[in-house]
Amino acid sequence: SQHTYYIIANSGINGLSHKERVRLALLASFKNKTLLKLYSEETNWFSDDELSDIQALGGIIKFVNALNISNTNSVQDVKLQSTKEGYDLFVNDQGESIAESYQSNRQKKHIEKVLKTKVNIIFTNA
């Protein structure tokens, strides 16, 4: 969110330069490419390649967050396996991970963009 971006970007964090804080703020507040561009235009410190990396990492963070959307820590581990069609991502969980299944399937586009292929998410019980 915009609030998250401004709090992190404008806080003094020991050991981080202002540019590093802005990079961290862009990651923490990542919602989509449009907002990333909007926030990054404030400083114009990052190249297109750097923004692409931030976008990819932000997408991974969104996907990982989707795997614990109900805050129950039900996912025990994940395993990525190559297939002819792309990848199968096996998510080993405890209990019913209905919310995690729904949200991770909504956010898998971010992982597919990084891997440049289709990803099939398969939930299995521990």
N, C-alpha and C. Protein backbone atom coordinates (compact mmCIF):
# COMPACT_ATOMS: atom_id res chain seq x y z
N SER A 1 0.83 -1.19 0.00
CA SER A 1 0.00 0.00 0.00
C SER A 1 0.88 1.25 0.00
N GLN A 2 0.27 2.36 -0.29
CA GLN A 2 1.00 3.63 -0.33
C GLN A 2 1.56 3.96 1.05
N HIS A 3 0.78 3.67 2.08
CA HIS A 3 1.22 3.94 3.45
C HIS A 3 2.48 3.12 3.78
N THR A 4 2.46 1.84 3.45
CA THR A 4 3.62 0.97 3.68
C THR A 4 4.85 1.51 2.97
N TYR A 5 4.65 1.91 1.71
CA TYR A 5 5.77 2.45 0.93
C TYR A 5 6.39 3.65 1.64
N TYR A 6 5.59 4.62 2.01
CA TYR A 6 6.12 5.85 2.60
C TYR A 6 6.72 5.62 3.98
N ILE A 7 6.14 4.74 4.77
CA ILE A 7 6.70 4.45 6.10
C ILE A 7 8.11 3.87 5.96
N ILE A 8 8.27 2.86 5.11
CA ILE A 8 9.58 2.20 4.97
C ILE A 8 10.58 3.11 4.26
N ALA A 9 10.15 3.75 3.18
CA ALA A 9 11.07 4.58 2.40
C ALA A 9 11.61 5.76 3.21
N ASN A 10 10.81 6.26 4.14
CA ASN A 10 11.20 7.47 4.87
C ASN A 10 11.60 7.22 6.32
N SER A 11 11.78 5.97 6.69
CA SER A 11 12.24 5.63 8.03
C SER A 11 13.75 5.43 8.01
N GLY A 12 14.36 5.72 9.13
CA GLY A 12 15.78 5.46 9.25
C GLY A 12 16.00 4.01 9.66
N ILE A 13 16.55 3.21 8.78
CA ILE A 13 16.84 1.81 9.09
C ILE A 13 18.36 1.65 9.08
N ASN A 14 18.91 1.37 10.25
CA ASN A 14 20.37 1.27 10.37
C ASN A 14 20.93 0.27 9.38
N GLY A 15 21.99 0.67 8.68
CA GLY A 15 22.68 -0.22 7.76
C GLY A 15 22.16 -0.17 6.34
N LEU A 16 21.04 0.53 6.09
CA LEU A 16 20.50 0.63 4.74
C LEU A 16 20.58 2.06 4.24
N SER A 17 21.04 2.21 3.01
CA SER A 17 21.03 3.53 2.39
C SER A 17 19.60 3.91 2.03
N HIS A 18 19.40 5.16 1.65
CA HIS A 18 18.05 5.58 1.27
C HIS A 18 17.57 4.80 0.04
N LYS A 19 18.45 4.57 -0.92
CA LYS A 19 18.06 3.81 -2.11
C LYS A 19 17.66 2.39 -1.73
N GLU A 20 18.39 1.77 -0.82
CA GLU A 20 18.05 0.42 -0.37
C GLU A 20 16.72 0.40 0.37
N ARG A 21 16.44 1.44 1.15
CA ARG A 21 15.15 1.53 1.84
C ARG A 21 14.02 1.68 0.84
N VAL A 22 14.23 2.47 -0.21
CA VAL A 22 13.21 2.64 -1.25
C VAL A 22 12.98 1.31 -1.96
N ARG A 23 14.05 0.57 -2.25
CA ARG A 23 13.90 -0.75 -2.89
C ARG A 23 13.09 -1.68 -1.98
N LEU A 24 13.42 -1.70 -0.70
CA LEU A 24 12.68 -2.51 0.27
C LEU A 24 11.22 -2.07 0.34
N ALA A 25 10.97 -0.77 0.31
CA ALA A 25 9.61 -0.24 0.34
C ALA A 25 8.83 -0.66 -0.90
N LEU A 26 9.48 -0.65 -2.05
CA LEU A 26 8.82 -1.08 -3.29
C LEU A 26 8.43 -2.56 -3.21
N LEU A 27 9.31 -3.38 -2.63
CA LEU A 27 9.00 -4.81 -2.46
C LEU A 27 7.85 -5.02 -1.48
N ALA A 28 7.92 -4.35 -0.34
CA ALA A 28 6.92 -4.55 0.71
C ALA A 28 5.54 -4.05 0.29
N SER A 29 5.50 -3.04 -0.56
CA SER A 29 4.21 -2.45 -0.95
C SER A 29 3.74 -2.94 -2.31
N PHE A 30 4.43 -3.91 -2.91
CA PHE A 30 4.10 -4.34 -4.27
C PHE A 30 2.68 -4.87 -4.37
N LYS A 31 1.92 -4.28 -5.28
CA LYS A 31 0.56 -4.76 -5.60
C LYS A 31 0.48 -5.14 -7.07
N ASN A 32 1.02 -4.27 -7.94
CA ASN A 32 1.00 -4.54 -9.37
C ASN A 32 2.02 -3.64 -10.07
N LYS A 33 2.22 -3.89 -11.35
CA LYS A 33 3.23 -3.17 -12.13
C LYS A 33 2.93 -1.68 -12.20
N THR A 34 1.66 -1.32 -12.32
CA THR A 34 1.28 0.09 -12.43
C THR A 34 1.67 0.87 -11.19
N LEU A 35 1.36 0.33 -10.01
CA LEU A 35 1.71 1.03 -8.77
C LEU A 35 3.22 1.03 -8.55
N LEU A 36 3.90 -0.04 -8.95
CA LEU A 36 5.36 -0.08 -8.85
C LEU A 36 5.96 1.07 -9.65
N LYS A 37 5.49 1.25 -10.87
CA LYS A 37 6.00 2.35 -11.71
C LYS A 37 5.70 3.70 -11.07
N LEU A 38 4.48 3.86 -10.55
CA LEU A 38 4.08 5.12 -9.92
C LEU A 38 4.99 5.46 -8.75
N TYR A 39 5.21 4.50 -7.85
CA TYR A 39 6.06 4.76 -6.68
C TYR A 39 7.52 4.97 -7.08
N SER A 40 7.99 4.21 -8.06
CA SER A 40 9.40 4.32 -8.45
C SER A 40 9.70 5.62 -9.18
N GLU A 41 8.70 6.21 -9.80
CA GLU A 41 8.91 7.48 -10.52
C GLU A 41 9.22 8.62 -9.56
N GLU A 42 8.91 8.43 -8.29
CA GLU A 42 9.19 9.46 -7.29
C GLU A 42 10.68 9.77 -7.22
N THR A 43 11.52 8.74 -7.38
CA THR A 43 12.96 8.93 -7.28
C THR A 43 13.69 8.75 -8.61
N ASN A 44 13.14 7.93 -9.50
CA ASN A 44 13.81 7.59 -10.77
C ASN A 44 15.21 7.03 -10.55
N TRP A 45 15.39 6.24 -9.50
CA TRP A 45 16.69 5.67 -9.17
C TRP A 45 16.92 4.31 -9.80
N PHE A 46 15.89 3.67 -10.30
CA PHE A 46 16.01 2.28 -10.72
C PHE A 46 15.86 2.12 -12.23
N SER A 47 16.73 1.29 -12.79
CA SER A 47 16.66 0.99 -14.22
C SER A 47 15.47 0.08 -14.50
N ASP A 48 15.16 -0.10 -15.77
CA ASP A 48 14.07 -1.02 -16.14
C ASP A 48 14.37 -2.44 -15.68
N ASP A 49 15.64 -2.86 -15.77
CA ASP A 49 16.02 -4.20 -15.31
C ASP A 49 15.82 -4.34 -13.80
N GLU A 50 16.21 -3.31 -13.04
CA GLU A 50 16.01 -3.36 -11.59
C GLU A 50 14.53 -3.40 -11.24
N LEU A 51 13.72 -2.62 -11.95
CA LEU A 51 12.28 -2.62 -11.70
C LEU A 51 11.66 -3.96 -12.06
N SER A 52 12.18 -4.59 -13.11
CA SER A 52 11.71 -5.92 -13.49
C SER A 52 12.02 -6.93 -12.39
N ASP A 53 13.22 -6.84 -11.81
CA ASP A 53 13.60 -7.73 -10.70
C ASP A 53 12.72 -7.48 -9.48
N ILE A 54 12.47 -6.21 -9.17
CA ILE A 54 11.61 -5.87 -8.04
C ILE A 54 10.20 -6.40 -8.27
N GLN A 55 9.71 -6.28 -9.50
CA GLN A 55 8.38 -6.79 -9.83
C GLN A 55 8.32 -8.31 -9.65
N ALA A 56 9.35 -9.02 -10.12
CA ALA A 56 9.39 -10.48 -9.98
C ALA A 56 9.42 -10.89 -8.51
N LEU A 57 10.28 -10.24 -7.73
CA LEU A 57 10.37 -10.56 -6.30
C LEU A 57 9.09 -10.19 -5.56
N GLY A 58 8.49 -9.06 -5.92
CA GLY A 58 7.22 -8.67 -5.32
C GLY A 58 6.13 -9.69 -5.61
N GLY A 59 6.12 -10.22 -6.83
CA GLY A 59 5.16 -11.25 -7.19
C GLY A 59 5.37 -12.53 -6.41
N ILE A 60 6.63 -12.90 -6.20
CA ILE A 60 6.93 -14.09 -5.40
C ILE A 60 6.44 -13.88 -3.97
N ILE A 61 6.65 -12.70 -3.42
CA ILE A 61 6.17 -12.40 -2.07
C ILE A 61 4.65 -12.52 -2.01
N LYS A 62 3.96 -12.00 -3.02
CA LYS A 62 2.49 -12.11 -3.05
C LYS A 62 2.06 -13.57 -3.08
N PHE A 63 2.75 -14.38 -3.88
CA PHE A 63 2.40 -15.80 -3.96
C PHE A 63 2.65 -16.51 -2.64
N VAL A 64 3.79 -16.26 -2.03
CA VAL A 64 4.11 -16.90 -0.75
C VAL A 64 3.10 -16.48 0.32
N ASN A 65 2.72 -15.22 0.31
CA ASN A 65 1.70 -14.75 1.25
C ASN A 65 0.38 -15.49 1.04
N ALA A 66 0.05 -15.78 -0.21
CA ALA A 66 -1.19 -16.51 -0.52
C ALA A 66 -1.16 -17.91 0.08
N LEU A 67 0.03 -18.49 0.24
CA LEU A 67 0.14 -19.83 0.82
C LEU A 67 -0.09 -19.84 2.33
N ASN A 68 -0.22 -18.66 2.93
CA ASN A 68 -0.55 -18.57 4.36
C ASN A 68 -1.59 -17.48 4.59
N ILE A 69 -2.53 -17.36 3.66
CA ILE A 69 -3.51 -16.28 3.70
C ILE A 69 -4.39 -16.34 4.94
N SER A 70 -4.63 -17.52 5.48
CA SER A 70 -5.48 -17.65 6.68
C SER A 70 -4.66 -17.56 7.98
N ASN A 71 -3.36 -17.34 7.87
CA ASN A 71 -2.46 -17.21 9.02
C ASN A 71 -2.51 -18.42 9.96
N THR A 72 -2.64 -19.60 9.40
CA THR A 72 -2.67 -20.83 10.20
C THR A 72 -1.38 -21.64 10.08
N ASN A 73 -0.47 -21.20 9.23
CA ASN A 73 0.80 -21.91 9.01
C ASN A 73 0.59 -23.38 8.67
N SER A 74 -0.42 -23.66 7.87
CA SER A 74 -0.76 -25.04 7.54
C SER A 74 0.15 -25.66 6.49
N VAL A 75 0.83 -24.85 5.69
CA VAL A 75 1.73 -25.38 4.66
C VAL A 75 3.03 -25.81 5.32
N GLN A 76 3.37 -27.08 5.12
CA GLN A 76 4.57 -27.66 5.72
C GLN A 76 5.79 -27.53 4.81
N ASP A 77 5.62 -27.81 3.53
CA ASP A 77 6.69 -27.64 2.56
C ASP A 77 6.12 -27.61 1.15
N VAL A 78 6.97 -27.22 0.23
CA VAL A 78 6.58 -27.18 -1.19
C VAL A 78 7.68 -27.85 -2.01
N LYS A 79 7.27 -28.44 -3.13
CA LYS A 79 8.22 -29.10 -4.02
C LYS A 79 7.83 -28.76 -5.45
N LEU A 80 8.78 -28.30 -6.23
CA LEU A 80 8.55 -27.94 -7.63
C LEU A 80 9.12 -29.04 -8.51
N GLN A 81 8.28 -29.58 -9.39
CA GLN A 81 8.70 -30.68 -10.26
C GLN A 81 8.41 -30.31 -11.72
N SER A 82 9.40 -30.48 -12.57
CA SER A 82 9.25 -30.19 -13.99
C SER A 82 8.37 -31.24 -14.66
N THR A 83 7.50 -30.78 -15.58
CA THR A 83 6.66 -31.67 -16.37
C THR A 83 6.78 -31.25 -17.84
N LYS A 84 6.14 -32.01 -18.72
CA LYS A 84 6.16 -31.66 -20.14
C LYS A 84 5.44 -30.34 -20.39
N GLU A 85 4.41 -30.05 -19.59
CA GLU A 85 3.61 -28.85 -19.79
C GLU A 85 4.14 -27.64 -19.03
N GLY A 86 5.08 -27.83 -18.12
CA GLY A 86 5.58 -26.73 -17.30
C GLY A 86 6.11 -27.25 -15.99
N TYR A 87 5.42 -26.92 -14.89
CA TYR A 87 5.82 -27.37 -13.56
C TYR A 87 4.59 -27.76 -12.75
N ASP A 88 4.78 -28.74 -11.88
CA ASP A 88 3.82 -29.05 -10.83
C ASP A 88 4.42 -28.56 -9.53
N LEU A 89 3.66 -27.79 -8.78
CA LEU A 89 4.09 -27.32 -7.47
C LEU A 89 3.26 -28.07 -6.43
N PHE A 90 3.92 -28.99 -5.72
CA PHE A 90 3.25 -29.77 -4.69
C PHE A 90 3.34 -29.01 -3.37
N VAL A 91 2.18 -28.72 -2.80
CA VAL A 91 2.10 -27.99 -1.54
C VAL A 91 1.62 -28.97 -0.48
N ASN A 92 2.51 -29.33 0.44
CA ASN A 92 2.19 -30.28 1.50
C ASN A 92 1.66 -29.49 2.69
N ASP A 93 0.39 -29.73 3.04
CA ASP A 93 -0.23 -28.95 4.11
C ASP A 93 -0.88 -29.84 5.15
N GLN A 94 -1.19 -29.25 6.28
CA GLN A 94 -1.93 -29.93 7.34
C GLN A 94 -3.33 -29.35 7.38
N GLY A 95 -4.33 -30.20 7.33
CA GLY A 95 -5.70 -29.73 7.44
C GLY A 95 -6.27 -29.24 6.12
N GLU A 96 -7.31 -28.43 6.24
CA GLU A 96 -8.02 -27.89 5.08
C GLU A 96 -7.43 -26.54 4.71
N SER A 97 -6.81 -26.45 3.57
CA SER A 97 -6.22 -25.19 3.12
C SER A 97 -7.03 -24.61 1.97
N ILE A 98 -8.32 -24.44 2.20
CA ILE A 98 -9.21 -23.95 1.15
C ILE A 98 -8.83 -22.54 0.73
N ALA A 99 -8.62 -21.66 1.71
CA ALA A 99 -8.27 -20.27 1.39
C ALA A 99 -6.91 -20.21 0.70
N GLU A 100 -5.96 -21.00 1.17
CA GLU A 100 -4.63 -21.01 0.56
C GLU A 100 -4.69 -21.53 -0.88
N SER A 101 -5.48 -22.56 -1.11
CA SER A 101 -5.63 -23.10 -2.46
C SER A 101 -6.21 -22.04 -3.39
N TYR A 102 -7.26 -21.39 -2.96
CA TYR A 102 -7.92 -20.37 -3.78
C TYR A 102 -6.97 -19.20 -4.07
N GLN A 103 -6.36 -18.65 -3.03
CA GLN A 103 -5.50 -17.48 -3.21
C GLN A 103 -4.22 -17.81 -3.99
N SER A 104 -3.63 -18.97 -3.74
CA SER A 104 -2.40 -19.31 -4.46
C SER A 104 -2.68 -19.51 -5.95
N ASN A 105 -3.84 -20.05 -6.28
CA ASN A 105 -4.19 -20.18 -7.70
C ASN A 105 -4.46 -18.82 -8.34
N ARG A 106 -4.95 -17.87 -7.57
CA ARG A 106 -5.14 -16.52 -8.09
C ARG A 106 -3.80 -15.81 -8.30
N GLN A 107 -2.81 -16.13 -7.48
CA GLN A 107 -1.52 -15.45 -7.53
C GLN A 107 -0.45 -16.21 -8.31
N LYS A 108 -0.77 -17.39 -8.81
CA LYS A 108 0.26 -18.20 -9.48
C LYS A 108 0.79 -17.55 -10.75
N LYS A 109 0.06 -16.59 -11.30
CA LYS A 109 0.54 -15.88 -12.49
C LYS A 109 1.90 -15.24 -12.26
N HIS A 110 2.17 -14.84 -11.01
CA HIS A 110 3.46 -14.23 -10.69
C HIS A 110 4.59 -15.26 -10.80
N ILE A 111 4.33 -16.47 -10.34
CA ILE A 111 5.33 -17.55 -10.42
C ILE A 111 5.50 -17.98 -11.88
N GLU A 112 4.39 -18.05 -12.61
CA GLU A 112 4.46 -18.42 -14.02
C GLU A 112 5.27 -17.40 -14.82
N LYS A 113 5.17 -16.15 -14.46
CA LYS A 113 5.94 -15.12 -15.16
C LYS A 113 7.44 -15.29 -14.89
N VAL A 114 7.79 -15.60 -13.65
CA VAL A 114 9.20 -15.80 -13.30
C VAL A 114 9.75 -17.05 -13.99
N LEU A 115 8.97 -18.14 -13.98
CA LEU A 115 9.42 -19.40 -14.57
C LEU A 115 9.22 -19.46 -16.08
N LYS A 116 8.45 -18.53 -16.62
CA LYS A 116 8.16 -18.44 -18.05
C LYS A 116 7.46 -19.69 -18.59
N THR A 117 6.58 -20.27 -17.76
CA THR A 117 5.81 -21.44 -18.17
C THR A 117 4.63 -21.63 -17.21
N LYS A 118 3.78 -22.57 -17.53
CA LYS A 118 2.61 -22.86 -16.71
C LYS A 118 3.00 -23.59 -15.43
N VAL A 119 2.24 -23.32 -14.37
CA VAL A 119 2.44 -23.99 -13.09
C VAL A 119 1.10 -24.56 -12.64
N ASN A 120 1.11 -25.83 -12.28
CA ASN A 120 -0.06 -26.51 -11.74
C ASN A 120 0.17 -26.71 -10.24
N ILE A 121 -0.71 -26.16 -9.41
CA ILE A 121 -0.55 -26.27 -7.96
C ILE A 121 -1.38 -27.44 -7.45
N ILE A 122 -0.71 -28.34 -6.72
CA ILE A 122 -1.36 -29.54 -6.19
C ILE A 122 -1.19 -29.55 -4.67
N PHE A 123 -2.31 -29.45 -3.95
CA PHE A 123 -2.27 -29.50 -2.49
C PHE A 123 -2.38 -30.95 -2.04
N THR A 124 -1.49 -31.35 -1.14
CA THR A 124 -1.51 -32.70 -0.57
C THR A 124 -1.51 -32.58 0.94
N ASN A 125 -2.08 -33.56 1.63
CA ASN A 125 -2.11 -33.54 3.09
C ASN A 125 -0.88 -34.21 3.67
N ALA A 126 -0.36 -33.59 4.73
CA ALA A 126 0.84 -34.12 5.40
C ALA A 126 0.53 -35.40 6.14
